[in-house]
C-alpha atoms as a PDB file:
ATOM      1  CA  MET A   1       2.908  -3.092 -19.207  1.00  0.00           C
ATOM      2  CA  GLY A   2       4.937  -0.001 -18.653  1.00  0.00           C
ATOM      3  CA  GLU A   3       8.619   0.484 -19.113  1.00  0.00           C
ATOM      4  CA  PHE A   4       9.421   0.934 -15.397  1.00  0.00           C
ATOM      5  CA  VAL A   5       6.297  -0.404 -13.769  1.00  0.00           C
ATOM      6  CA  ARG A   6       4.515  -3.675 -14.483  1.00  0.00           C
ATOM      7  CA  LEU A   7       1.770  -5.870 -12.983  1.00  0.00           C
ATOM      8  CA  GLU A   8       2.751  -9.428 -12.721  1.00  0.00           C
ATOM      9  CA  VAL A   9      -0.023 -11.905 -11.847  1.00  0.00           C
ATOM     10  CA  ASP A  10       0.521 -15.442 -10.506  1.00  0.00           C
ATOM     11  CA  ALA A  11      -2.206 -17.624  -8.987  1.00  0.00           C
ATOM     12  CA  GLY A  12      -4.329 -14.772  -7.768  1.00  0.00           C
ATOM     13  CA  VAL A  13      -1.626 -12.554  -6.458  1.00  0.00           C
ATOM     14  CA  GLY A  14      -0.721  -9.515  -8.440  1.00  0.00           C
ATOM     15  CA  THR A  15       2.704  -7.808  -8.013  1.00  0.00           C
ATOM     16  CA  ILE A  16       3.078  -4.186  -8.925  1.00  0.00           C
ATOM     17  CA  ARG A  17       6.884  -4.216  -9.724  1.00  0.00           C
ATOM     18  CA  LEU A  18       9.022  -1.081  -9.874  1.00  0.00           C
ATOM     19  CA  ASP A  19      12.119  -1.565 -12.184  1.00  0.00           C
ATOM     20  CA  ARG A  20      13.862   1.730 -12.759  1.00  0.00           C
ATOM     21  CA  PRO A  21      17.537   1.275 -11.797  1.00  0.00           C
ATOM     22  CA  PRO A  22      19.331   2.115  -9.669  1.00  0.00           C
ATOM     23  CA  VAL A  23      16.901   3.100  -6.928  1.00  0.00           C
ATOM     24  CA  ASN A  24      13.395   3.155  -8.539  1.00  0.00           C
ATOM     25  CA  ALA A  25      13.308   7.003  -8.342  1.00  0.00           C
ATOM     26  CA  LEU A  26       9.654   8.314  -8.952  1.00  0.00           C
ATOM     27  CA  ASN A  27       9.583  10.507 -11.926  1.00  0.00           C
ATOM     28  CA  ASN A  28       6.716  11.637 -14.185  1.00  0.00           C
ATOM     29  CA  GLN A  29       6.720   8.366 -16.105  1.00  0.00           C
ATOM     30  CA  VAL A  30       6.902   6.174 -13.088  1.00  0.00           C
ATOM     31  CA  GLN A  31       4.012   7.872 -11.341  1.00  0.00           C
ATOM     32  CA  ALA A  32       1.902   7.632 -14.533  1.00  0.00           C
ATOM     33  CA  GLU A  33       2.754   3.891 -14.832  1.00  0.00           C
ATOM     34  CA  LEU A  34       1.918   3.337 -11.156  1.00  0.00           C
ATOM     35  CA  ALA A  35      -1.495   4.786 -11.820  1.00  0.00           C
ATOM     36  CA  GLU A  36      -2.075   2.442 -14.754  1.00  0.00           C
ATOM     37  CA  ALA A  37      -0.829  -0.568 -12.897  1.00  0.00           C
ATOM     38  CA  ALA A  38      -3.211   0.224  -9.889  1.00  0.00           C
ATOM     39  CA  LYS A  39      -6.227   0.603 -12.282  1.00  0.00           C
ATOM     40  CA  GLU A  40      -5.453  -2.711 -14.017  1.00  0.00           C
ATOM     41  CA  ALA A  41      -4.996  -4.394 -10.602  1.00  0.00           C
ATOM     42  CA  ALA A  42      -8.302  -3.065  -9.475  1.00  0.00           C
ATOM     43  CA  GLU A  43     -10.249  -4.098 -12.478  1.00  0.00           C
ATOM     44  CA  ARG A  44      -8.858  -7.603 -12.981  1.00  0.00           C
ATOM     45  CA  GLU A  45     -10.961 -10.397 -11.416  1.00  0.00           C
ATOM     46  CA  ASP A  46      -7.994 -12.723 -11.335  1.00  0.00           C
ATOM     47  CA  VAL A  47      -6.036 -10.376  -9.000  1.00  0.00           C
ATOM     48  CA  ARG A  48      -7.283 -11.022  -5.456  1.00  0.00           C
ATOM     49  CA  ALA A  49      -4.377  -9.370  -3.520  1.00  0.00           C
ATOM     50  CA  VAL A  50      -1.558  -7.047  -4.490  1.00  0.00           C
ATOM     51  CA  ILE A  51       2.136  -6.804  -3.445  1.00  0.00           C
ATOM     52  CA  LEU A  52       4.153  -3.686  -3.969  1.00  0.00           C
ATOM     53  CA  TYR A  53       7.783  -4.523  -4.802  1.00  0.00           C
ATOM     54  CA  GLY A  54      10.842  -2.690  -6.031  1.00  0.00           C
ATOM     55  CA  GLY A  55      13.133  -5.680  -6.235  1.00  0.00           C
ATOM     56  CA  GLU A  56      15.794  -7.385  -4.090  1.00  0.00           C
ATOM     57  CA  LYS A  57      17.934  -4.307  -3.723  1.00  0.00           C
ATOM     58  CA  THR A  58      15.741  -1.487  -2.981  1.00  0.00           C
ATOM     59  CA  PHE A  59      12.009  -0.686  -2.672  1.00  0.00           C
ATOM     60  CA  ALA A  60      12.219   3.034  -3.823  1.00  0.00           C
ATOM     61  CA  GLY A  61      14.740   5.734  -3.035  1.00  0.00           C
ATOM     62  CA  GLY A  62      12.211   8.594  -3.476  1.00  0.00           C
ATOM     63  CA  ALA A  63      11.452  11.123  -6.160  1.00  0.00           C
ATOM     64  CA  ASP A  64      13.809  11.946  -8.985  1.00  0.00           C
ATOM     65  CA  ILE A  65      15.495  15.013  -7.498  1.00  0.00           C
ATOM     66  CA  LYS A  66      17.217  16.220 -10.694  1.00  0.00           C
ATOM     67  CA  GLU A  67      13.831  16.134 -12.512  1.00  0.00           C
ATOM     68  CA  MET A  68      12.138  17.875  -9.671  1.00  0.00           C
ATOM     69  CA  ALA A  69      14.838  20.540  -9.277  1.00  0.00           C
ATOM     70  CA  ALA A  70      14.375  21.676 -12.841  1.00  0.00           C
ATOM     71  CA  LYS A  71      10.591  22.173 -12.533  1.00  0.00           C
ATOM     72  CA  SER A  72       8.753  25.457 -12.223  1.00  0.00           C
ATOM     73  CA  TYR A  73       6.102  26.055  -9.668  1.00  0.00           C
ATOM     74  CA  VAL A  74       3.359  25.416 -12.093  1.00  0.00           C
ATOM     75  CA  GLU A  75       5.115  22.229 -13.261  1.00  0.00           C
ATOM     76  CA  MET A  76       5.476  21.072  -9.751  1.00  0.00           C
ATOM     77  CA  GLN A  77       1.807  21.680  -9.069  1.00  0.00           C
ATOM     78  CA  ARG A  78       0.842  19.392 -11.939  1.00  0.00           C
ATOM     79  CA  PHE A  79       3.433  16.685 -10.905  1.00  0.00           C
ATOM     80  CA  GLY A  80       2.691  16.854  -7.223  1.00  0.00           C
ATOM     81  CA  THR A  81      -1.042  16.448  -7.867  1.00  0.00           C
ATOM     82  CA  ALA A  82      -0.493  13.589 -10.296  1.00  0.00           C
ATOM     83  CA  LEU A  83       1.853  11.727  -7.945  1.00  0.00           C
ATOM     84  CA  SER A  84      -0.545  12.107  -4.982  1.00  0.00           C
ATOM     85  CA  GLU A  85      -3.431  10.879  -7.138  1.00  0.00           C
ATOM     86  CA  SER A  86      -1.450   7.915  -8.405  1.00  0.00           C
ATOM     87  CA  LEU A  87      -0.586   6.779  -4.844  1.00  0.00           C
ATOM     88  CA  THR A  88      -4.164   7.341  -3.824  1.00  0.00           C
ATOM     89  CA  LEU A  89      -5.326   4.911  -6.538  1.00  0.00           C
ATOM     90  CA  ILE A  90      -2.970   2.295  -4.967  1.00  0.00           C
ATOM     91  CA  ALA A  91      -4.292   3.137  -1.469  1.00  0.00           C
ATOM     92  CA  GLU A  92      -7.877   2.746  -2.601  1.00  0.00           C
ATOM     93  CA  LEU A  93      -7.292  -0.645  -4.281  1.00  0.00           C
ATOM     94  CA  PRO A  94     -10.357  -2.674  -3.296  1.00  0.00           C
ATOM     95  CA  LYS A  95      -8.189  -5.603  -2.362  1.00  0.00           C
ATOM     96  CA  PRO A  96      -5.684  -6.490   0.407  1.00  0.00           C
ATOM     97  CA  THR A  97      -2.246  -4.912  -0.339  1.00  0.00           C
ATOM     98  CA  VAL A  98       1.155  -5.368   1.125  1.00  0.00           C
ATOM     99  CA  ALA A  99       4.512  -3.549   0.558  1.00  0.00           C
ATOM    100  CA  ALA A 100       7.664  -5.800   0.384  1.00  0.00           C
ATOM    101  CA  ILE A 101      10.364  -3.381   1.408  1.00  0.00           C
ATOM    102  CA  THR A 102      13.998  -4.038   0.729  1.00  0.00           C
ATOM    103  CA  GLY A 103      17.002  -1.784   1.064  1.00  0.00           C
ATOM    104  CA  TYR A 104      15.544   1.745   1.242  1.00  0.00           C
ATOM    105  CA  ALA A 105      12.017   3.302   1.211  1.00  0.00           C
ATOM    106  CA  LEU A 106      12.758   6.970   1.335  1.00  0.00           C
ATOM    107  CA  GLY A 107      10.602  10.056   0.533  1.00  0.00           C
ATOM    108  CA  GLY A 108       8.245   9.114  -2.157  1.00  0.00           C
ATOM    109  CA  GLY A 109       9.283   5.549  -1.715  1.00  0.00           C
ATOM    110  CA  LEU A 110       8.063   5.463   1.790  1.00  0.00           C
ATOM    111  CA  GLU A 111       4.961   7.319   0.712  1.00  0.00           C
ATOM    112  CA  LEU A 112       4.360   4.504  -1.712  1.00  0.00           C
ATOM    113  CA  ALA A 113       4.833   1.919   0.957  1.00  0.00           C
ATOM    114  CA  LEU A 114       2.374   3.762   3.303  1.00  0.00           C
ATOM    115  CA  THR A 115      -0.482   3.233   0.756  1.00  0.00           C
ATOM    116  CA  ALA A 116      -0.404  -0.530   1.478  1.00  0.00           C
ATOM    117  CA  ASP A 117      -2.536  -2.270   4.142  1.00  0.00           C
ATOM    118  CA  ARG A 118       0.518  -3.991   5.443  1.00  0.00           C
ATOM    119  CA  ARG A 119       4.351  -3.592   5.257  1.00  0.00           C
ATOM    120  CA  VAL A 120       6.990  -6.323   5.384  1.00  0.00           C
ATOM    121  CA  ALA A 121      10.603  -5.267   5.657  1.00  0.00           C
ATOM    122  CA  GLY A 122      14.068  -6.745   5.579  1.00  0.00           C
ATOM    123  CA  ASP A 123      15.944  -6.447   8.846  1.00  0.00           C
ATOM    124  CA  ASN A 124      18.523  -4.198   7.113  1.00  0.00           C
ATOM    125  CA  VAL A 125      16.195  -1.656   5.576  1.00  0.00           C
ATOM    126  CA  LYS A 126      16.122   2.114   6.223  1.00  0.00           C
ATOM    127  CA  VAL A 127      12.961   4.167   5.772  1.00  0.00           C
ATOM    128  CA  GLY A 128      12.300   7.838   6.075  1.00  0.00           C
ATOM    129  CA  GLN A 129      10.908  11.171   4.896  1.00  0.00           C
ATOM    130  CA  PRO A 130      14.208  13.185   4.257  1.00  0.00           C
ATOM    131  CA  GLU A 131      12.498  15.922   2.244  1.00  0.00           C
ATOM    132  CA  ILE A 132      13.219  18.454   4.956  1.00  0.00           C
ATOM    133  CA  GLN A 133      16.862  18.226   4.041  1.00  0.00           C
ATOM    134  CA  LEU A 134      16.021  19.630   0.526  1.00  0.00           C
ATOM    135  CA  GLY A 135      14.037  22.500   2.009  1.00  0.00           C
ATOM    136  CA  ILE A 136      10.677  20.940   1.244  1.00  0.00           C
ATOM    137  CA  ILE A 137       8.212  18.633   2.932  1.00  0.00           C
ATOM    138  CA  PRO A 138       6.663  15.272   1.979  1.00  0.00           C
ATOM    139  CA  GLY A 139       3.991  15.933  -0.761  1.00  0.00           C
ATOM    140  CA  ALA A 140       2.428  12.511  -1.607  1.00  0.00           C
ATOM    141  CA  GLY A 141       0.998  11.301   1.797  1.00  0.00           C
ATOM    142  CA  GLY A 142       4.019  11.509   4.051  1.00  0.00           C
ATOM    143  CA  THR A 143       2.567  14.044   6.394  1.00  0.00           C
ATOM    144  CA  GLN A 144      -0.937  12.453   6.336  1.00  0.00           C
ATOM    145  CA  ARG A 145      -0.690   8.642   6.163  1.00  0.00           C
ATOM    146  CA  LEU A 146       2.440   8.549   8.285  1.00  0.00           C
ATOM    147  CA  ALA A 147       0.760  10.598  11.102  1.00  0.00           C
ATOM    148  CA  ARG A 148      -2.284   8.367  10.928  1.00  0.00           C
ATOM    149  CA  LEU A 149      -0.186   5.199  11.162  1.00  0.00           C
ATOM    150  CA  VAL A 150       2.367   6.093  13.880  1.00  0.00           C
ATOM    151  CA  GLY A 151       0.739   9.121  15.493  1.00  0.00           C
ATOM    152  CA  PRO A 152       1.386  12.860  15.059  1.00  0.00           C
ATOM    153  CA  SER A 153       4.326  13.106  17.543  1.00  0.00           C
ATOM    154  CA  ARG A 154       6.352  10.319  15.926  1.00  0.00           C
ATOM    155  CA  ALA A 155       5.456  11.529  12.408  1.00  0.00           C
ATOM    156  CA  LYS A 156       6.766  14.975  13.273  1.00  0.00           C
ATOM    157  CA  ASP A 157       9.997  13.568  14.619  1.00  0.00           C
ATOM    158  CA  ILE A 158      10.581  11.601  11.435  1.00  0.00           C
ATOM    159  CA  VAL A 159       9.513  14.489   9.098  1.00  0.00           C
ATOM    160  CA  PHE A 160      11.207  17.327  11.009  1.00  0.00           C
ATOM    161  CA  THR A 161      14.491  15.580  11.316  1.00  0.00           C
ATOM    162  CA  GLY A 162      14.491  13.765   7.965  1.00  0.00           C
ATOM    163  CA  ARG A 163      16.368  10.966   9.628  1.00  0.00           C
ATOM    164  CA  PHE A 164      16.535   7.362   8.507  1.00  0.00           C
ATOM    165  CA  VAL A 165      14.500   4.842  10.599  1.00  0.00           C
ATOM    166  CA  LYS A 166      15.959   1.369  10.859  1.00  0.00           C
ATOM    167  CA  ALA A 167      13.900  -1.864  10.703  1.00  0.00           C
ATOM    168  CA  GLU A 168      13.835  -2.390  14.502  1.00  0.00           C
ATOM    169  CA  GLU A 169      12.512   0.891  15.319  1.00  0.00           C
ATOM    170  CA  ALA A 170      10.127   0.887  12.389  1.00  0.00           C
ATOM    171  CA  LEU A 171       8.628  -2.302  13.773  1.00  0.00           C
ATOM    172  CA  ALA A 172       8.372  -0.960  17.297  1.00  0.00           C
ATOM    173  CA  ILE A 173       6.476   2.139  16.310  1.00  0.00           C
ATOM    174  CA  GLY A 174       4.187   0.379  13.807  1.00  0.00           C
ATOM    175  CA  LEU A 175       5.711   1.832  10.689  1.00  0.00           C
ATOM    176  CA  VAL A 176       6.168  -1.719   9.439  1.00  0.00           C
ATOM    177  CA  ASP A 177       4.348  -4.833  10.532  1.00  0.00           C
ATOM    178  CA  GLU A 178       6.790  -7.601  10.017  1.00  0.00           C
ATOM    179  CA  VAL A 179      10.662  -7.826   9.723  1.00  0.00           C
ATOM    180  CA  VAL A 180      12.359 -10.738   8.123  1.00  0.00           C
ATOM    181  CA  ALA A 181      15.779 -11.609   6.664  1.00  0.00           C
ATOM    182  CA  PRO A 182      16.536  -9.553   3.472  1.00  0.00           C
ATOM    183  CA  ASP A 183      16.147 -12.440   1.091  1.00  0.00           C
ATOM    184  CA  GLU A 184      12.810 -13.481   2.702  1.00  0.00           C
ATOM    185  CA  VAL A 185      10.925 -10.183   2.119  1.00  0.00           C
ATOM    186  CA  TYR A 186       8.931 -11.034  -0.986  1.00  0.00           C
ATOM    187  CA  ALA A 187       8.218 -14.615   0.116  1.00  0.00           C
ATOM    188  CA  ALA A 188       6.782 -13.207   3.462  1.00  0.00           C
ATOM    189  CA  ALA A 189       4.639 -10.691   1.678  1.00  0.00           C
ATOM    190  CA  HIS A 190       3.461 -13.327  -0.757  1.00  0.00           C
ATOM    191  CA  ARG A 191       2.393 -15.570   2.142  1.00  0.00           C
ATOM    192  CA  TRP A 192       0.324 -12.792   3.598  1.00  0.00           C
ATOM    193  CA  ALA A 193      -1.282 -11.919   0.226  1.00  0.00           C
ATOM    194  CA  SER A 194      -1.924 -15.442  -0.893  1.00  0.00           C
ATOM    195  CA  GLN A 195      -4.159 -16.166   2.011  1.00  0.00           C
ATOM    196  CA  PHE A 196      -6.844 -13.943   0.386  1.00  0.00           C
ATOM    197  CA  VAL A 197      -6.811 -15.495  -3.080  1.00  0.00           C
ATOM    198  CA  ASN A 198      -9.661 -17.775  -2.236  1.00  0.00           C
ATOM    199  CA  GLY A 199     -11.279 -15.435   0.333  1.00  0.00           C
ATOM    200  CA  PRO A 200     -14.643 -13.615   0.244  1.00  0.00           C
ATOM    201  CA  ALA A 201     -13.484 -10.792  -2.091  1.00  0.00           C
ATOM    202  CA  VAL A 202     -16.539  -8.631  -1.664  1.00  0.00           C
ATOM    203  CA  ALA A 203     -16.423  -8.788   2.136  1.00  0.00           C
ATOM    204  CA  LEU A 204     -12.689  -8.035   2.147  1.00  0.00           C
ATOM    205  CA  ARG A 205     -13.372  -5.013  -0.040  1.00  0.00           C
ATOM    206  CA  ALA A 206     -16.155  -3.861   2.394  1.00  0.00           C
ATOM    207  CA  ALA A 207     -13.884  -4.390   5.339  1.00  0.00           C
ATOM    208  CA  LYS A 208     -11.217  -2.195   3.742  1.00  0.00           C
ATOM    209  CA  ILE A 209     -13.652   0.577   2.961  1.00  0.00           C
ATOM    210  CA  ALA A 210     -15.094   0.567   6.436  1.00  0.00           C
ATOM    211  CA  ILE A 211     -11.718   0.881   8.109  1.00  0.00           C
ATOM    212  CA  ASP A 212     -10.124   3.405   5.820  1.00  0.00           C
ATOM    213  CA  ALA A 213     -13.133   5.633   5.281  1.00  0.00           C
ATOM    214  CA  GLY A 214     -14.299   5.281   8.798  1.00  0.00           C
ATOM    215  CA  LEU A 215     -10.999   6.840  10.049  1.00  0.00           C
ATOM    216  CA  ASP A 216     -11.844   9.991   8.201  1.00  0.00           C
ATOM    217  CA  MET A 217     -15.264  10.288   9.941  1.00  0.00           C
ATOM    218  CA  ASP A 218     -16.468  10.797  13.519  1.00  0.00           C
ATOM    219  CA  LEU A 219     -17.555   7.676  15.295  1.00  0.00           C
ATOM    220  CA  ARG A 220     -21.246   8.076  14.733  1.00  0.00           C
ATOM    221  CA  ASN A 221     -20.988   8.267  11.014  1.00  0.00           C
ATOM    222  CA  GLY A 222     -18.305   5.612  10.981  1.00  0.00           C
ATOM    223  CA  LEU A 223     -20.706   3.237  12.564  1.00  0.00           C
ATOM    224  CA  LYS A 224     -23.395   4.064  10.022  1.00  0.00           C
ATOM    225  CA  LEU A 225     -21.013   3.366   7.134  1.00  0.00           C
ATOM    226  CA  GLU A 226     -20.099   0.015   8.880  1.00  0.00           C
ATOM    227  CA  THR A 227     -23.794  -1.019   9.168  1.00  0.00           C
ATOM    228  CA  GLN A 228     -24.432  -0.153   5.552  1.00  0.00           C
ATOM    229  CA  LEU A 229     -21.529  -2.159   4.250  1.00  0.00           C
ATOM    230  CA  PHE A 230     -22.350  -5.021   6.699  1.00  0.00           C
ATOM    231  CA  THR A 231     -25.954  -5.433   5.703  1.00  0.00           C
ATOM    232  CA  ALA A 232     -25.116  -5.144   1.991  1.00  0.00           C
ATOM    233  CA  LEU A 233     -23.162  -8.370   2.135  1.00  0.00           C
ATOM    234  CA  TRP A 234     -26.455 -10.263   2.494  1.00  0.00           C
ATOM    235  CA  ALA A 235     -26.722  -9.627  -1.283  1.00  0.00           C
ATOM    236  CA  THR A 236     -23.612 -11.759  -2.002  1.00  0.00           C
ATOM    237  CA  GLU A 237     -23.211 -15.403  -2.743  1.00  0.00           C
ATOM    238  CA  ASP A 238     -20.288 -15.618  -0.327  1.00  0.00           C
ATOM    239  CA  GLN A 239     -22.386 -14.654   2.647  1.00  0.00           C
ATOM    240  CA  LYS A 240     -24.799 -17.505   1.846  1.00  0.00           C
ATOM    241  CA  ARG A 241     -21.863 -19.972   1.360  1.00  0.00           C
ATOM    242  CA  GLY A 242     -20.058 -18.798   4.488  1.00  0.00           C
ATOM    243  CA  MET A 243     -23.036 -19.147   6.781  1.00  0.00           C
ATOM    244  CA  GLN A 244     -24.383 -22.440   5.335  1.00  0.00           C
ATOM    245  CA  SER A 245     -20.929 -23.934   5.712  1.00  0.00           C
ATOM    246  CA  PHE A 246     -20.702 -22.726   9.369  1.00  0.00           C
ATOM    247  CA  ILE A 247     -24.029 -24.346  10.111  1.00  0.00           C
ATOM    248  CA  GLU A 248     -23.177 -27.583   8.376  1.00  0.00           C
ATOM    249  CA  ASN A 249     -19.509 -27.938   8.925  1.00  0.00           C
ATOM    250  CA  GLY A 250     -18.493 -25.491  11.752  1.00  0.00           C
ATOM    251  CA  PRO A 251     -16.193 -22.403  11.501  1.00  0.00           C
ATOM    252  CA  GLY A 252     -13.247 -21.916   9.032  1.00  0.00           C
ATOM    253  CA  LYS A 253     -14.401 -24.418   6.380  1.00  0.00           C
ATOM    254  CA  ALA A 254     -16.188 -22.371   3.833  1.00  0.00           C
ATOM    255  CA  THR A 255     -15.141 -22.019   0.179  1.00  0.00           C
ATOM    256  CA  PHE A 256     -15.839 -18.747  -1.458  1.00  0.00           C
ATOM    257  CA  GLU A 257     -16.341 -17.599  -5.089  1.00  0.00           C
ATOM    258  CA  GLY A 258     -15.653 -13.860  -4.486  1.00  0.00           C
ATOM    259  CA  LYS A 259     -19.255 -12.943  -5.527  1.00  0.00           C
END
């Protein structure tokens, strides 16, 4: 358990919790602890889905500007690479992930939220990539994951202007997937995550790999990857359980072991 980031596990759902007041700014220590929390969540068999959460007040206000301003070019190369690699570890978690966004998700905070498979936000949140206002650009996925999520034109508008996007617009353009009352954010994220606790973990991992990796390929190679992952599931116990249950009891009644 880190000083500012911890993994809390309850009934199969892991919560990667940021706790660095006042705004969960991402400094060297936070990025390192995020990486460790992601590795632990990936390895633990009792974690079947993951929530990213910054608490009731704010998700993450971005990078620690005071710390960044004092760095040299060489130091920023190291920090930027480490931060990007840490967020990639979260993006590549082999389990369903959801970001529970409260208050603000700005700069590196939004980049962290973009690593999740789903984003739930309070109706009062503001998200954005305001790095341009500092004379820089997003450096941990903001130009890449954002463009893949909302399209290049919308991503350019958000990045070029550095403006804040409110919850209603974020939902309309697909930047977030669900908007709820501020005090319902974590509960809504937990509802989504908890449905996978007793699901076919190997198939869920395969589905995530097929979609995410397939987006980086042309269609022909994406289809080949899908076929490989699809047929490999015949080596799992869950495939046998799922199909036998369908034959005997009809759809939607199978119980899985995640093996």
